[in-house]
């Protein structure tokens, strides 16, 4: 039976999506390690299917300032990935490239923004590579776009664009250990419903 909205997902299908999130996170940690040239350990991610409003509260609340990196999915699977980076995570990435970080997180310069955007590109590619290997589906990604703003404003983009498929997202809360320092990020995966249906069928979960 085809899925018409995220609310149609049963417990088995949600468990499969969670496992995809776990596998993708492992791939992303490896890619991030290569990008930074450092050993990175990853705590087992917390993967949940939740309402937009709950996801916003879980990620820090609507007024928290974050860097949002949006990547659109194209090919056999369509939708978007959004990375939500809190200031400590973003500063770790930037300092690895630049050696220093701007005092004003909201007003990063061109090179600092480029470093974050490249991180989003590499990590999104790692996630989708894992999904492609599991499903034999072709998935391409757009050039990432970066916004630094209040979380509520950033999350309004997928909320409006995907309003027709329901109010749920797959949220992956990740914790990495770099130089004995714990840094956290959240990733939101939102396939279109037709793509979600294709994905689950490829994984043998109907």
N, C-alpha and C. Protein backbone atom coordinates (compact mmCIF):
# COMPACT_ATOMS: atom_id res chain seq x y z
N UNK A 1 0.85 -1.19 0.00
CA UNK A 1 0.00 0.00 0.00
C UNK A 1 0.89 1.25 0.00
N UNK A 2 0.60 2.16 -0.91
CA UNK A 2 1.42 3.36 -1.04
C UNK A 2 1.18 4.32 0.11
N UNK A 3 2.25 5.04 0.48
CA UNK A 3 2.16 6.04 1.54
C UNK A 3 1.69 7.36 0.94
N UNK A 4 0.71 7.97 1.56
CA UNK A 4 0.18 9.24 1.08
C UNK A 4 0.69 10.43 1.89
N UNK A 5 1.18 10.15 3.11
CA UNK A 5 1.70 11.20 3.99
C UNK A 5 2.58 10.55 5.04
N UNK A 6 3.39 11.35 5.70
CA UNK A 6 4.27 10.82 6.74
C UNK A 6 3.49 10.18 7.88
N UNK A 7 2.26 10.66 8.10
CA UNK A 7 1.42 10.10 9.16
C UNK A 7 1.04 8.65 8.88
N UNK A 8 1.20 8.20 7.63
CA UNK A 8 0.85 6.83 7.28
C UNK A 8 1.94 5.82 7.66
N UNK A 9 3.12 6.30 8.05
CA UNK A 9 4.21 5.39 8.37
C UNK A 9 3.88 4.53 9.59
N UNK A 10 4.14 3.22 9.45
CA UNK A 10 3.94 2.35 10.61
C UNK A 10 5.25 2.19 11.37
N UNK A 11 5.22 1.48 12.48
CA UNK A 11 6.40 1.39 13.35
C UNK A 11 7.58 0.71 12.66
N UNK A 12 7.30 -0.30 11.82
CA UNK A 12 8.38 -0.98 11.11
C UNK A 12 9.05 -0.04 10.11
N UNK A 13 8.26 0.73 9.39
CA UNK A 13 8.80 1.67 8.42
C UNK A 13 9.62 2.75 9.11
N UNK A 14 9.15 3.23 10.25
CA UNK A 14 9.89 4.23 11.01
C UNK A 14 11.22 3.65 11.49
N UNK A 15 11.21 2.40 11.93
CA UNK A 15 12.45 1.75 12.37
C UNK A 15 13.46 1.66 11.22
N UNK A 16 12.99 1.38 10.02
CA UNK A 16 13.87 1.30 8.84
C UNK A 16 14.46 2.67 8.55
N UNK A 17 13.64 3.71 8.63
CA UNK A 17 14.15 5.07 8.41
C UNK A 17 15.19 5.44 9.46
N UNK A 18 14.96 5.02 10.69
CA UNK A 18 15.93 5.29 11.76
C UNK A 18 17.26 4.60 11.46
N UNK A 19 17.18 3.37 10.96
CA UNK A 19 18.41 2.64 10.65
C UNK A 19 19.17 3.30 9.51
N UNK A 20 18.44 3.81 8.51
CA UNK A 20 19.08 4.57 7.43
C UNK A 20 19.80 5.78 8.01
N UNK A 21 19.15 6.45 8.97
CA UNK A 21 19.77 7.60 9.62
C UNK A 21 21.05 7.22 10.33
N UNK A 22 21.05 6.07 11.00
CA UNK A 22 22.25 5.60 11.70
C UNK A 22 23.39 5.32 10.73
N UNK A 23 23.08 4.62 9.65
CA UNK A 23 24.11 4.27 8.66
C UNK A 23 24.65 5.52 7.98
N UNK A 24 23.75 6.43 7.62
CA UNK A 24 24.17 7.68 6.99
C UNK A 24 25.06 8.50 7.90
N UNK A 25 24.74 8.51 9.20
CA UNK A 25 25.55 9.28 10.15
C UNK A 25 26.96 8.72 10.25
N UNK A 26 27.09 7.40 10.21
CA UNK A 26 28.42 6.79 10.23
C UNK A 26 29.24 7.21 9.03
N UNK A 27 28.60 7.19 7.86
CA UNK A 27 29.27 7.63 6.63
C UNK A 27 29.68 9.10 6.73
N UNK A 28 28.78 9.91 7.27
CA UNK A 28 29.05 11.35 7.38
C UNK A 28 30.20 11.63 8.33
N UNK A 29 30.28 10.88 9.43
CA UNK A 29 31.38 11.08 10.38
C UNK A 29 32.71 10.76 9.72
N UNK A 30 32.73 9.70 8.92
CA UNK A 30 33.96 9.34 8.20
C UNK A 30 34.35 10.44 7.22
N UNK A 31 33.35 10.97 6.51
CA UNK A 31 33.61 12.04 5.54
C UNK A 31 34.09 13.30 6.23
N UNK A 32 33.49 13.63 7.38
CA UNK A 32 33.89 14.82 8.12
C UNK A 32 35.32 14.67 8.64
N UNK A 33 35.68 13.47 9.07
CA UNK A 33 37.04 13.20 9.53
C UNK A 33 38.05 13.45 8.42
N UNK A 34 37.73 12.98 7.21
CA UNK A 34 38.62 13.21 6.07
C UNK A 34 38.71 14.68 5.71
N UNK A 35 37.60 15.38 5.83
CA UNK A 35 37.57 16.80 5.49
C UNK A 35 38.43 17.62 6.45
N UNK A 36 38.36 17.29 7.74
CA UNK A 36 39.07 18.06 8.75
C UNK A 36 40.48 17.54 9.01
N UNK A 37 40.76 16.32 8.53
CA UNK A 37 42.07 15.73 8.78
C UNK A 37 42.27 15.39 10.24
N UNK A 38 41.19 15.03 10.91
CA UNK A 38 41.25 14.69 12.33
C UNK A 38 40.47 13.41 12.59
N UNK A 39 40.83 12.73 13.66
CA UNK A 39 40.05 11.58 14.10
C UNK A 39 38.76 12.07 14.73
N UNK A 40 37.65 11.50 14.30
CA UNK A 40 36.36 11.90 14.84
C UNK A 40 35.63 10.65 15.34
N UNK A 41 35.21 10.69 16.58
CA UNK A 41 34.37 9.63 17.14
C UNK A 41 32.93 10.13 17.15
N UNK A 42 32.00 9.18 16.99
CA UNK A 42 30.60 9.57 16.94
C UNK A 42 29.80 8.78 17.95
N UNK A 43 29.02 9.48 18.75
CA UNK A 43 28.07 8.84 19.64
C UNK A 43 26.90 8.35 18.78
N UNK A 44 26.32 7.20 19.14
CA UNK A 44 25.19 6.68 18.37
C UNK A 44 24.11 7.76 18.25
N UNK A 45 23.73 8.13 17.03
CA UNK A 45 22.78 9.24 16.87
C UNK A 45 21.39 8.90 17.36
N UNK A 46 20.66 9.93 17.73
CA UNK A 46 19.27 9.80 18.12
C UNK A 46 18.42 10.14 16.89
N UNK A 47 17.70 9.18 16.36
CA UNK A 47 16.93 9.36 15.13
C UNK A 47 15.44 9.24 15.45
N UNK A 48 14.68 10.27 15.09
CA UNK A 48 13.25 10.27 15.41
C UNK A 48 12.44 10.84 14.24
N UNK A 49 11.24 10.33 14.08
CA UNK A 49 10.26 10.96 13.20
C UNK A 49 9.36 11.80 14.10
N UNK A 50 9.34 13.12 13.87
CA UNK A 50 8.59 14.00 14.77
C UNK A 50 7.95 15.16 14.02
N UNK A 51 7.01 15.81 14.69
CA UNK A 51 6.36 16.99 14.12
C UNK A 51 7.36 18.12 13.97
N UNK A 52 7.10 19.02 13.01
CA UNK A 52 7.96 20.20 12.83
C UNK A 52 8.13 20.97 14.13
N UNK A 53 7.00 21.22 14.80
CA UNK A 53 7.07 22.02 16.03
C UNK A 53 7.93 21.35 17.09
N UNK A 54 7.81 20.04 17.21
CA UNK A 54 8.62 19.31 18.18
C UNK A 54 10.09 19.30 17.76
N UNK A 55 10.33 19.19 16.45
CA UNK A 55 11.71 19.20 15.94
C UNK A 55 12.39 20.54 16.24
N UNK A 56 11.64 21.62 16.09
CA UNK A 56 12.18 22.96 16.37
C UNK A 56 12.54 23.09 17.86
N UNK A 57 11.65 22.63 18.72
CA UNK A 57 11.93 22.69 20.16
C UNK A 57 13.11 21.80 20.52
N UNK A 58 13.17 20.62 19.93
CA UNK A 58 14.24 19.67 20.21
C UNK A 58 15.60 20.25 19.81
N UNK A 59 15.61 21.01 18.71
CA UNK A 59 16.87 21.55 18.18
C UNK A 59 17.26 22.87 18.81
N UNK A 60 16.51 23.33 19.81
CA UNK A 60 16.94 24.54 20.52
C UNK A 60 15.90 25.62 20.66
N UNK A 61 14.75 25.47 20.01
CA UNK A 61 13.70 26.48 20.11
C UNK A 61 13.73 27.46 18.94
N UNK A 62 12.59 28.06 18.61
CA UNK A 62 12.46 28.89 17.41
C UNK A 62 13.36 30.12 17.37
N UNK A 63 13.78 30.64 18.53
CA UNK A 63 14.58 31.87 18.55
C UNK A 63 16.08 31.60 18.64
N UNK A 64 16.49 30.34 18.71
CA UNK A 64 17.92 30.03 18.76
C UNK A 64 18.55 30.32 17.39
N UNK A 65 19.76 30.85 17.41
CA UNK A 65 20.46 31.20 16.17
C UNK A 65 21.30 29.99 15.72
N UNK A 66 21.07 29.55 14.51
CA UNK A 66 21.79 28.40 13.97
C UNK A 66 22.20 28.68 12.53
N UNK A 67 23.13 27.88 12.05
CA UNK A 67 23.46 27.89 10.62
C UNK A 67 22.66 26.76 9.98
N UNK A 68 21.87 27.09 8.99
CA UNK A 68 21.08 26.09 8.27
C UNK A 68 21.66 25.89 6.88
N UNK A 69 22.01 24.66 6.56
CA UNK A 69 22.56 24.34 5.24
C UNK A 69 21.56 23.44 4.52
N UNK A 70 20.99 23.94 3.45
CA UNK A 70 19.93 23.24 2.72
C UNK A 70 20.48 22.64 1.44
N UNK A 71 20.21 21.35 1.27
CA UNK A 71 20.62 20.62 0.06
C UNK A 71 19.38 19.95 -0.52
N UNK A 72 19.10 20.19 -1.77
CA UNK A 72 17.94 19.56 -2.42
C UNK A 72 18.35 18.24 -3.08
N UNK A 73 17.44 17.27 -3.03
CA UNK A 73 17.68 15.95 -3.59
C UNK A 73 16.99 15.83 -4.93
N UNK A 74 17.68 15.23 -5.89
CA UNK A 74 17.14 15.07 -7.24
C UNK A 74 17.46 13.66 -7.74
N UNK A 75 16.70 13.22 -8.73
CA UNK A 75 16.92 11.89 -9.30
C UNK A 75 15.81 10.94 -8.90
N UNK A 76 16.17 9.71 -8.49
CA UNK A 76 15.16 8.74 -8.08
C UNK A 76 14.48 9.14 -6.77
N UNK A 77 15.18 9.91 -5.95
CA UNK A 77 14.63 10.42 -4.69
C UNK A 77 14.67 11.94 -4.72
N UNK A 78 13.53 12.56 -4.43
CA UNK A 78 13.46 14.01 -4.39
C UNK A 78 13.06 14.47 -3.00
N UNK A 79 13.51 15.65 -2.63
CA UNK A 79 13.22 16.19 -1.31
C UNK A 79 14.33 17.12 -0.89
N UNK A 80 14.67 17.11 0.39
CA UNK A 80 15.75 17.97 0.87
C UNK A 80 16.38 17.40 2.13
N UNK A 81 17.62 17.81 2.33
CA UNK A 81 18.34 17.59 3.58
C UNK A 81 18.68 18.96 4.14
N UNK A 82 18.48 19.14 5.43
CA UNK A 82 18.88 20.39 6.06
C UNK A 82 19.73 20.08 7.29
N UNK A 83 20.94 20.64 7.31
CA UNK A 83 21.80 20.55 8.48
C UNK A 83 21.57 21.79 9.33
N UNK A 84 21.39 21.58 10.63
CA UNK A 84 21.21 22.68 11.57
C UNK A 84 22.40 22.67 12.52
N UNK A 85 23.30 23.64 12.37
CA UNK A 85 24.54 23.67 13.13
C UNK A 85 24.49 24.77 14.19
N UNK A 86 24.68 24.38 15.44
CA UNK A 86 24.81 25.37 16.50
C UNK A 86 26.19 26.01 16.42
N UNK A 87 26.34 27.13 17.10
CA UNK A 87 27.58 27.91 17.00
C UNK A 87 28.84 27.10 17.29
N UNK A 88 28.91 26.26 18.36
CA UNK A 88 30.15 25.50 18.62
C UNK A 88 30.55 24.57 17.47
N UNK A 89 29.56 23.93 16.84
CA UNK A 89 29.87 23.05 15.71
C UNK A 89 30.42 23.87 14.55
N UNK A 90 29.72 24.95 14.23
CA UNK A 90 30.15 25.79 13.10
C UNK A 90 31.55 26.34 13.34
N UNK A 91 31.83 26.76 14.58
CA UNK A 91 33.15 27.32 14.88
C UNK A 91 34.25 26.27 14.75
N UNK A 92 33.94 25.02 15.12
CA UNK A 92 34.93 23.95 14.99
C UNK A 92 35.29 23.73 13.52
N UNK A 93 34.27 23.73 12.67
CA UNK A 93 34.50 23.53 11.23
C UNK A 93 35.33 24.69 10.67
N UNK A 94 34.91 25.91 10.99
CA UNK A 94 35.59 27.09 10.43
C UNK A 94 37.03 27.17 10.92
N UNK A 95 37.25 26.95 12.20
CA UNK A 95 38.60 27.08 12.75
C UNK A 95 39.54 26.04 12.17
N UNK A 96 39.00 24.88 11.78
CA UNK A 96 39.84 23.84 11.16
C UNK A 96 40.37 24.30 9.81
N UNK A 97 39.60 25.13 9.12
CA UNK A 97 40.01 25.64 7.81
C UNK A 97 40.76 26.96 7.90
N UNK A 98 40.26 27.86 8.75
CA UNK A 98 40.74 29.23 8.75
C UNK A 98 41.74 29.51 9.87
N UNK A 99 41.72 28.70 10.90
CA UNK A 99 42.59 28.95 12.05
C UNK A 99 41.97 29.88 13.08
N UNK A 100 41.05 30.74 12.64
CA UNK A 100 40.34 31.65 13.53
C UNK A 100 38.87 31.69 13.14
N UNK A 101 38.07 32.29 13.99
CA UNK A 101 36.63 32.40 13.74
C UNK A 101 36.19 33.83 14.02
N UNK A 102 35.29 34.35 13.20
CA UNK A 102 34.76 35.70 13.41
C UNK A 102 34.06 35.79 14.76
N UNK A 103 34.11 36.98 15.36
CA UNK A 103 33.41 37.20 16.63
C UNK A 103 31.90 37.16 16.44
N UNK A 104 31.44 37.58 15.27
CA UNK A 104 30.01 37.68 15.00
C UNK A 104 29.56 36.47 14.18
N UNK A 105 28.90 35.52 14.83
CA UNK A 105 28.45 34.30 14.17
C UNK A 105 27.46 34.59 13.04
N UNK A 106 26.64 35.60 13.22
CA UNK A 106 25.62 35.91 12.21
C UNK A 106 26.25 36.52 10.96
N UNK A 107 27.38 37.19 11.12
CA UNK A 107 28.00 37.92 10.00
C UNK A 107 29.33 37.27 9.60
N UNK A 108 29.32 35.99 9.32
CA UNK A 108 30.54 35.31 8.87
C UNK A 108 30.96 35.86 7.52
N UNK A 109 32.27 35.85 7.28
CA UNK A 109 32.74 36.34 5.99
C UNK A 109 32.59 35.26 4.91
N UNK A 110 32.92 35.64 3.69
CA UNK A 110 32.72 34.76 2.54
C UNK A 110 33.45 33.43 2.70
N UNK A 111 34.67 33.46 3.22
CA UNK A 111 35.47 32.24 3.32
C UNK A 111 34.94 31.32 4.42
N UNK A 112 34.48 31.91 5.50
CA UNK A 112 33.91 31.12 6.60
C UNK A 112 32.60 30.46 6.15
N UNK A 113 31.79 31.21 5.42
CA UNK A 113 30.53 30.65 4.91
C UNK A 113 30.82 29.53 3.91
N UNK A 114 31.86 29.73 3.11
CA UNK A 114 32.24 28.71 2.13
C UNK A 114 32.66 27.42 2.81
N UNK A 115 33.37 27.52 3.93
CA UNK A 115 33.80 26.32 4.67
C UNK A 115 32.60 25.54 5.18
N UNK A 116 31.60 26.24 5.73
CA UNK A 116 30.40 25.57 6.22
C UNK A 116 29.61 24.94 5.08
N UNK A 117 29.52 25.66 3.97
CA UNK A 117 28.78 25.15 2.82
C UNK A 117 29.44 23.88 2.27
N UNK A 118 30.76 23.87 2.22
CA UNK A 118 31.47 22.69 1.74
C UNK A 118 31.27 21.51 2.68
N UNK A 119 31.23 21.79 3.97
CA UNK A 119 30.95 20.72 4.93
C UNK A 119 29.58 20.10 4.66
N UNK A 120 28.58 20.97 4.42
CA UNK A 120 27.25 20.47 4.11
C UNK A 120 27.23 19.63 2.86
N UNK A 121 27.98 20.05 1.86
CA UNK A 121 28.05 19.31 0.60
C UNK A 121 28.65 17.93 0.81
N UNK A 122 29.74 17.87 1.56
CA UNK A 122 30.43 16.59 1.79
C UNK A 122 29.58 15.65 2.65
N UNK A 123 28.99 16.18 3.71
CA UNK A 123 28.20 15.32 4.59
C UNK A 123 26.91 14.85 3.92
N UNK A 124 26.27 15.72 3.15
CA UNK A 124 25.06 15.31 2.43
C UNK A 124 25.41 14.21 1.43
N UNK A 125 26.53 14.39 0.73
CA UNK A 125 26.97 13.36 -0.21
C UNK A 125 27.21 12.03 0.47
N UNK A 126 27.76 12.07 1.70
CA UNK A 126 28.04 10.85 2.45
C UNK A 126 26.74 10.15 2.86
N UNK A 127 25.78 10.92 3.33
CA UNK A 127 24.48 10.34 3.69
C UNK A 127 23.84 9.65 2.49
N UNK A 128 23.81 10.37 1.39
CA UNK A 128 23.10 9.86 0.22
C UNK A 128 23.84 8.71 -0.44
N UNK A 129 25.16 8.69 -0.32
CA UNK A 129 25.94 7.56 -0.81
C UNK A 129 25.53 6.29 -0.07
N UNK A 130 25.32 6.41 1.24
CA UNK A 130 24.89 5.26 2.03
C UNK A 130 23.52 4.78 1.59
N UNK A 131 22.59 5.72 1.36
CA UNK A 131 21.25 5.34 0.92
C UNK A 131 21.30 4.71 -0.47
N UNK A 132 22.10 5.27 -1.37
CA UNK A 132 22.22 4.73 -2.72
C UNK A 132 22.76 3.30 -2.71
N UNK A 133 23.76 3.06 -1.87
CA UNK A 133 24.34 1.72 -1.79
C UNK A 133 23.34 0.70 -1.26
N UNK A 134 22.48 1.13 -0.34
CA UNK A 134 21.48 0.23 0.23
C UNK A 134 20.34 -0.07 -0.74
N UNK A 135 20.00 0.90 -1.58
CA UNK A 135 18.79 0.80 -2.39
C UNK A 135 19.03 0.69 -3.89
N UNK A 136 20.27 0.98 -4.34
CA UNK A 136 20.60 1.02 -5.76
C UNK A 136 19.79 2.10 -6.49
N UNK A 137 19.49 3.18 -5.78
CA UNK A 137 18.79 4.32 -6.37
C UNK A 137 19.80 5.42 -6.71
N UNK A 138 19.51 6.16 -7.77
CA UNK A 138 20.36 7.29 -8.15
C UNK A 138 19.84 8.54 -7.46
N UNK A 139 20.71 9.19 -6.69
CA UNK A 139 20.33 10.41 -5.98
C UNK A 139 21.40 11.46 -6.22
N UNK A 140 20.99 12.59 -6.75
CA UNK A 140 21.92 13.71 -6.97
C UNK A 140 21.56 14.83 -5.99
N UNK A 141 22.50 15.74 -5.75
CA UNK A 141 22.23 16.84 -4.83
C UNK A 141 22.54 18.17 -5.50
N UNK A 142 21.82 19.19 -5.04
CA UNK A 142 22.03 20.55 -5.54
C UNK A 142 23.22 21.17 -4.82
N UNK A 143 23.63 22.33 -5.30
CA UNK A 143 24.64 23.11 -4.58
C UNK A 143 24.01 23.56 -3.26
N UNK A 144 24.66 23.34 -2.12
CA UNK A 144 24.06 23.73 -0.83
C UNK A 144 23.88 25.24 -0.73
N UNK A 145 22.85 25.65 0.02
CA UNK A 145 22.66 27.07 0.34
C UNK A 145 22.72 27.23 1.85
N UNK A 146 23.34 28.31 2.30
CA UNK A 146 23.59 28.54 3.73
C UNK A 146 22.83 29.77 4.21
N UNK A 147 22.15 29.62 5.34
CA UNK A 147 21.48 30.74 6.00
C UNK A 147 21.80 30.69 7.48
N UNK A 148 22.12 31.83 8.08
CA UNK A 148 22.30 31.91 9.52
C UNK A 148 21.21 32.81 10.06
N UNK A 149 20.33 32.23 10.87
CA UNK A 149 19.13 32.95 11.30
C UNK A 149 18.53 32.23 12.50
N UNK A 150 17.39 32.71 12.95
CA UNK A 150 16.66 32.01 14.00
C UNK A 150 16.13 30.69 13.44
N UNK A 151 16.13 29.67 14.28
CA UNK A 151 15.73 28.34 13.85
C UNK A 151 14.30 28.32 13.30
N UNK A 152 13.41 29.06 13.93
CA UNK A 152 12.03 29.09 13.46
C UNK A 152 11.91 29.59 12.04
N UNK A 153 12.70 30.62 11.70
CA UNK A 153 12.68 31.17 10.34
C UNK A 153 13.27 30.19 9.34
N UNK A 154 14.37 29.52 9.72
CA UNK A 154 15.01 28.56 8.82
C UNK A 154 14.08 27.38 8.55
N UNK A 155 13.40 26.89 9.59
CA UNK A 155 12.53 25.73 9.44
C UNK A 155 11.24 26.05 8.71
N UNK A 156 10.95 27.34 8.51
CA UNK A 156 9.73 27.69 7.78
C UNK A 156 9.84 27.29 6.31
N UNK A 157 11.07 27.18 5.78
CA UNK A 157 11.24 26.82 4.37
C UNK A 157 10.72 25.41 4.09
N UNK A 158 11.22 24.36 4.77
CA UNK A 158 10.64 23.04 4.50
C UNK A 158 9.19 22.92 4.96
N UNK A 159 8.81 23.62 6.03
CA UNK A 159 7.44 23.53 6.52
C UNK A 159 6.45 23.99 5.46
N UNK A 160 6.78 25.08 4.76
CA UNK A 160 5.90 25.60 3.71
C UNK A 160 5.96 24.71 2.47
N UNK A 161 7.17 24.34 2.07
CA UNK A 161 7.34 23.60 0.82
C UNK A 161 6.74 22.20 0.88
N UNK A 162 6.77 21.59 2.07
CA UNK A 162 6.29 20.21 2.19
C UNK A 162 5.00 20.12 3.00
N UNK A 163 4.27 21.23 3.08
CA UNK A 163 3.03 21.25 3.86
C UNK A 163 2.02 20.22 3.36
N UNK A 164 2.06 19.93 2.05
CA UNK A 164 1.06 19.03 1.48
C UNK A 164 1.28 17.58 1.88
N UNK A 165 2.47 17.24 2.40
CA UNK A 165 2.74 15.83 2.74
C UNK A 165 2.65 15.59 4.24
N UNK A 166 2.30 16.60 5.02
CA UNK A 166 2.17 16.40 6.44
C UNK A 166 3.13 17.30 7.21
N UNK A 167 3.14 17.11 8.52
CA UNK A 167 3.95 18.01 9.37
C UNK A 167 5.03 17.24 10.13
N UNK A 168 5.53 16.16 9.53
CA UNK A 168 6.56 15.36 10.19
C UNK A 168 7.86 15.36 9.39
N UNK A 169 8.97 15.20 10.11
CA UNK A 169 10.29 15.13 9.50
C UNK A 169 11.08 14.01 10.18
N UNK A 170 12.11 13.55 9.50
CA UNK A 170 13.06 12.61 10.10
C UNK A 170 14.20 13.45 10.65
N UNK A 171 14.31 13.52 11.98
CA UNK A 171 15.35 14.33 12.61
C UNK A 171 16.43 13.42 13.18
N UNK A 172 17.68 13.72 12.81
CA UNK A 172 18.83 12.94 13.26
C UNK A 172 19.71 13.85 14.11
N UNK A 173 19.74 13.57 15.41
CA UNK A 173 20.55 14.34 16.34
C UNK A 173 21.89 13.63 16.51
N UNK A 174 22.96 14.32 16.15
CA UNK A 174 24.29 13.71 16.12
C UNK A 174 25.21 14.37 17.13
N UNK A 175 26.09 13.58 17.70
CA UNK A 175 27.10 14.10 18.62
C UNK A 175 28.45 13.53 18.20
N UNK A 176 29.36 14.44 17.84
CA UNK A 176 30.70 14.05 17.42
C UNK A 176 31.71 14.43 18.50
N UNK A 177 32.79 13.69 18.59
CA UNK A 177 33.87 14.01 19.53
C UNK A 177 35.11 14.33 18.71
N UNK A 178 35.52 15.60 18.76
CA UNK A 178 36.69 16.08 18.03
C UNK A 178 37.65 16.71 19.03
N UNK A 179 38.85 16.19 19.11
CA UNK A 179 39.85 16.69 20.07
C UNK A 179 39.29 16.73 21.49
N UNK A 180 38.62 15.62 21.87
CA UNK A 180 38.02 15.47 23.20
C UNK A 180 36.90 16.47 23.49
N UNK A 181 36.40 17.10 22.45
CA UNK A 181 35.32 18.07 22.61
C UNK A 181 34.06 17.54 21.94
N UNK A 182 32.95 17.55 22.68
CA UNK A 182 31.67 17.10 22.13
C UNK A 182 31.02 18.25 21.39
N UNK A 183 30.68 18.03 20.13
CA UNK A 183 29.91 19.02 19.37
C UNK A 183 28.70 18.33 18.77
N UNK A 184 27.60 19.05 18.72
CA UNK A 184 26.34 18.45 18.27
C UNK A 184 25.80 19.17 17.05
N UNK A 185 25.05 18.41 16.26
CA UNK A 185 24.33 19.00 15.14
C UNK A 185 23.03 18.23 14.96
N UNK A 186 22.12 18.82 14.23
CA UNK A 186 20.88 18.14 13.87
C UNK A 186 20.76 18.12 12.36
N UNK A 187 20.30 17.01 11.83
CA UNK A 187 20.06 16.91 10.41
C UNK A 187 18.61 16.50 10.19
N UNK A 188 17.97 17.16 9.25
CA UNK A 188 16.58 16.84 8.93
C UNK A 188 16.53 16.31 7.51
N UNK A 189 15.96 15.14 7.35
CA UNK A 189 15.80 14.51 6.04
C UNK A 189 14.32 14.51 5.70
N UNK A 190 13.98 15.11 4.57
CA UNK A 190 12.58 15.21 4.14
C UNK A 190 12.45 14.76 2.69
N UNK A 191 12.29 13.46 2.45
CA UNK A 191 11.97 13.03 1.08
C UNK A 191 10.52 13.38 0.76
N UNK A 192 10.23 13.66 -0.50
CA UNK A 192 8.84 13.77 -0.90
C UNK A 192 8.15 12.43 -0.67
N UNK A 193 6.84 12.46 -0.46
CA UNK A 193 6.13 11.23 -0.08
C UNK A 193 6.29 10.15 -1.14
N UNK A 194 6.21 10.52 -2.42
CA UNK A 194 6.38 9.52 -3.48
C UNK A 194 7.77 8.91 -3.42
N UNK A 195 8.77 9.72 -3.10
CA UNK A 195 10.14 9.22 -2.97
C UNK A 195 10.29 8.34 -1.73
N UNK A 196 9.61 8.72 -0.66
CA UNK A 196 9.63 7.92 0.56
C UNK A 196 9.05 6.54 0.28
N UNK A 197 8.00 6.49 -0.50
CA UNK A 197 7.36 5.23 -0.88
C UNK A 197 8.33 4.37 -1.68
N UNK A 198 9.03 4.98 -2.65
CA UNK A 198 10.01 4.26 -3.47
C UNK A 198 11.12 3.71 -2.59
N UNK A 199 11.61 4.54 -1.68
CA UNK A 199 12.71 4.18 -0.80
C UNK A 199 12.35 2.97 0.06
N UNK A 200 11.18 3.01 0.67
CA UNK A 200 10.78 1.90 1.54
C UNK A 200 10.55 0.61 0.76
N UNK A 201 9.99 0.73 -0.43
CA UNK A 201 9.76 -0.46 -1.25
C UNK A 201 11.09 -1.09 -1.67
N UNK A 202 12.08 -0.24 -1.99
CA UNK A 202 13.41 -0.74 -2.35
C UNK A 202 14.04 -1.49 -1.18
N UNK A 203 13.69 -1.08 0.02
CA UNK A 203 14.24 -1.72 1.21
C UNK A 203 13.37 -2.89 1.70
N UNK A 204 12.33 -3.19 0.90
CA UNK A 204 11.48 -4.34 1.20
C UNK A 204 10.49 -4.12 2.32
N UNK A 205 10.16 -2.84 2.59
CA UNK A 205 9.21 -2.53 3.65
C UNK A 205 8.03 -1.80 3.02
N UNK A 206 6.93 -2.48 2.84
CA UNK A 206 5.75 -1.88 2.17
C UNK A 206 4.65 -1.58 3.21
